[in-house]
Amino acid sequence: MPKMKTRKAIAKRVKVTGRGKVLRARPGAGHLKSKKSPKRLRRFRTTKAVSKAFERQVKRMAGEA
């Protein structure tokens, strides 16, 4: 049986930590920054964990599980 191919679109967007958590970037920081507050822009720089419901699917698509 051939190997499973990694879904590159997901692999570029998420990172799996050593303990198995899946981290993603926050959406909305791409453009139109002048109307957003500095506090909101700082929040965009932090990462967030993918929800538990979606984590298993993301790991499978990223080739981790």
Protein backbone atom coordinates (compact mmCIF):
# COMPACT_ATOMS: atom_id res chain seq x y z
CA MET A 1 0.00 0.00 0.00
CA PRO A 2 1.43 3.43 -0.89
CA LYS A 3 2.21 6.11 1.65
CA MET A 4 -0.41 8.73 2.50
CA LYS A 5 0.30 12.10 0.91
CA THR A 6 0.48 15.17 3.15
CA ARG A 7 -2.05 17.88 2.35
CA LYS A 8 0.31 20.76 1.70
CA ALA A 9 -2.38 23.43 2.20
CA ILE A 10 -2.90 22.29 5.81
CA ALA A 11 0.80 21.63 6.43
CA LYS A 12 1.62 25.25 5.55
CA ARG A 13 -1.03 26.63 7.91
CA VAL A 14 -0.61 24.54 11.05
CA LYS A 15 2.22 23.36 13.30
CA VAL A 16 2.11 20.25 15.46
CA THR A 17 3.98 20.64 18.75
CA GLY A 18 6.10 17.99 20.40
CA ARG A 19 3.22 17.08 22.71
CA GLY A 20 0.79 16.77 19.82
CA LYS A 21 -1.10 20.06 20.05
CA VAL A 22 -2.00 21.67 16.73
CA LEU A 23 -1.35 25.42 16.53
CA ARG A 24 -2.70 27.81 13.94
CA ALA A 25 -2.40 31.52 13.18
CA ARG A 26 -5.28 33.87 13.88
CA PRO A 27 -7.15 35.09 10.79
CA GLY A 28 -7.65 38.72 9.85
CA ALA A 29 -4.14 40.15 10.01
CA GLY A 30 -3.50 40.21 6.28
CA HIS A 31 -4.68 43.64 5.19
CA LEU A 32 -6.78 46.71 6.13
CA LYS A 33 -4.67 47.18 9.26
CA SER A 34 -5.16 50.93 9.61
CA LYS A 35 -8.73 50.55 10.83
CA LYS A 36 -7.84 47.87 13.40
CA SER A 37 -6.71 48.82 16.89
CA PRO A 38 -3.12 48.14 18.03
CA LYS A 39 -4.43 45.75 20.68
CA ARG A 40 -6.26 43.75 18.03
CA LEU A 41 -3.17 43.66 15.78
CA ARG A 42 -1.03 42.38 18.67
CA ARG A 43 -3.51 39.56 19.24
CA PHE A 44 -3.14 38.47 15.62
CA ARG A 45 0.56 37.75 16.24
CA THR A 46 -0.19 35.02 18.78
CA THR A 47 -0.99 31.44 17.85
CA LYS A 48 -4.04 29.52 18.96
CA ALA A 49 -4.67 25.80 19.37
CA VAL A 50 -7.03 24.13 16.91
CA SER A 51 -10.29 22.99 18.52
CA LYS A 52 -10.40 19.44 19.87
CA ALA A 53 -13.19 18.53 17.46
CA PHE A 54 -11.04 19.42 14.44
CA GLU A 55 -7.63 18.37 15.79
CA ARG A 56 -7.79 14.72 14.73
CA GLN A 57 -8.72 15.61 11.16
CA VAL A 58 -6.00 18.23 10.90
CA LYS A 59 -3.34 15.81 12.19
CA ARG A 60 -4.39 13.22 9.65
CA MET A 61 -4.27 15.75 6.81
CA ALA A 62 -0.88 17.06 7.97
CA GLY A 63 0.48 13.51 7.97
CA GLU A 64 1.02 13.34 11.73
CA ALA A 65 -1.32 10.54 12.71
